[in-house]
Amino acid sequence: MKKDVKNNSAAGEKESFLWHHVSEEEKEKIREGAKRIMDDFGKALEKIDSGGDFVFVEREVFVREEGNALKNDSDFKKIMFENAPKKNKHSILAEKGGWI
C-alpha cells in the first residue's frame, strides 16, 4: 500500500493523510465546527432537569476520620514518585505555584 507523503523541506516534516499543515480556511471551518458542537451541547444541557436549583448529597458520614499522619507508609513515596513528571533521586521537582 503506497502512502501519499509530501516532504516539507522548510520544516523538515512529512505531510500525509493523517497530518498536514492546516490552512486558514481549514482553521476557520474547525472553529465553526467546534462552536457548533459547544452550542449544541449547551442546548442539550439546558433540557436536562436537575430537580431544582440546589443539588444535595445525603450521607451518613460527612467527614472522614482522622488517621495517624505520622504513620510510615512505605508505598506512599513510591507511588508519589511514579506519578511525578519531574524528579531526581530524592525529590519531586516542581515549579513554585505552577499548579495554580
Protein backbone atom coordinates (compact mmCIF):
# COMPACT_ATOMS: atom_id res chain seq x y z
CA MET A 1 0.00 0.00 0.00
CA LYS A 2 1.52 3.29 -1.08
CA LYS A 3 1.24 6.28 1.26
CA ASP A 4 0.63 9.77 -0.02
CA VAL A 5 3.53 11.61 1.62
CA LYS A 6 4.95 15.03 0.78
CA ASN A 7 8.21 16.30 2.21
CA ASN A 8 8.05 19.82 3.60
CA SER A 9 11.72 20.75 3.34
CA ALA A 10 11.32 24.10 5.10
CA ALA A 11 10.07 22.49 8.30
CA GLY A 12 11.76 19.13 7.75
CA GLU A 13 8.40 17.45 8.34
CA LYS A 14 6.47 14.96 6.25
CA GLU A 15 2.85 15.54 5.38
CA SER A 16 0.42 12.67 4.99
CA PHE A 17 -3.27 11.92 5.10
CA LEU A 18 -3.12 11.88 8.90
CA TRP A 19 -1.02 15.04 9.33
CA HIS A 20 -0.74 18.16 7.22
CA HIS A 21 -0.38 21.90 7.61
CA VAL A 22 -3.77 23.49 8.20
CA SER A 23 -4.74 26.44 6.02
CA GLU A 24 -6.52 29.49 7.39
CA GLU A 25 -9.70 28.34 5.63
CA GLU A 26 -9.46 24.93 7.35
CA LYS A 27 -8.81 26.63 10.72
CA GLU A 28 -11.96 28.70 10.32
CA LYS A 29 -14.02 25.60 9.43
CA ILE A 30 -12.63 23.86 12.53
CA ARG A 31 -13.52 26.88 14.71
CA GLU A 32 -17.06 26.98 13.31
CA GLY A 33 -17.49 23.23 13.82
CA ALA A 34 -16.19 23.41 17.39
CA LYS A 35 -18.51 26.35 18.17
CA ARG A 36 -21.48 24.46 16.72
CA ILE A 37 -20.65 21.40 18.85
CA MET A 38 -20.33 23.52 22.01
CA ASP A 39 -23.59 25.38 21.28
CA ASP A 40 -25.45 22.11 20.64
CA PHE A 41 -24.02 20.63 23.83
CA GLY A 42 -25.09 23.72 25.82
CA LYS A 43 -28.62 23.48 24.41
CA ALA A 44 -28.77 19.78 25.31
CA LEU A 45 -27.67 20.59 28.87
CA GLU A 46 -30.41 23.21 29.19
CA LYS A 47 -33.01 20.49 28.55
CA ILE A 48 -31.82 18.39 31.49
CA ASP A 49 -33.99 18.71 34.59
CA SER A 50 -31.64 18.89 37.55
CA GLY A 51 -34.53 18.64 40.02
CA GLY A 52 -34.25 22.20 41.30
CA ASP A 53 -31.76 24.92 41.95
CA PHE A 54 -29.78 23.00 44.55
CA VAL A 55 -28.34 19.53 44.48
CA PHE A 56 -27.74 17.78 47.78
CA VAL A 57 -25.92 14.57 48.52
CA GLU A 58 -27.20 12.83 51.60
CA ARG A 59 -24.58 10.85 53.50
CA GLU A 60 -24.45 9.28 56.91
CA VAL A 61 -20.84 10.37 57.45
CA PHE A 62 -19.86 13.84 56.20
CA VAL A 63 -16.24 13.93 57.30
CA ARG A 64 -13.57 11.29 57.30
CA GLU A 65 -11.98 10.08 60.46
CA GLU A 66 -8.56 11.43 61.32
CA GLY A 67 -5.76 8.95 60.83
CA ASN A 68 -2.19 8.75 62.01
CA ALA A 69 -0.38 11.23 59.78
CA LEU A 70 2.99 10.18 61.15
CA LYS A 71 2.48 6.55 60.13
CA ASN A 72 5.25 5.44 57.79
CA ASP A 73 3.60 4.22 54.59
CA SER A 74 6.32 2.52 52.57
CA ASP A 75 4.31 2.65 49.32
CA PHE A 76 3.46 6.34 49.58
CA LYS A 77 6.84 7.62 48.38
CA LYS A 78 6.98 5.03 45.60
CA ILE A 79 3.50 5.97 44.33
CA MET A 80 4.22 9.71 44.52
CA PHE A 81 7.48 9.35 42.61
CA GLU A 82 5.83 7.19 39.94
CA ASN A 83 3.21 9.90 39.38
CA ALA A 84 5.62 12.85 39.41
CA PRO A 85 6.58 14.05 35.91
CA LYS A 86 9.88 15.56 37.11
CA LYS A 87 12.01 14.14 39.89
CA ASN A 88 15.54 13.35 40.94
CA LYS A 89 16.79 10.62 43.26
CA HIS A 90 15.25 12.03 46.47
CA SER A 91 12.93 14.91 45.47
CA ILE A 92 9.98 15.77 43.30
CA LEU A 93 10.87 18.78 41.18
CA ALA A 94 8.03 21.29 40.82
CA GLU A 95 7.71 24.93 39.88
CA LYS A 96 6.63 27.03 42.85
CA GLY A 97 2.99 27.92 42.29
CA GLY A 98 2.95 26.15 38.93
CA TRP A 99 -0.13 24.16 39.91
CA ILE A 100 -2.23 27.28 40.46
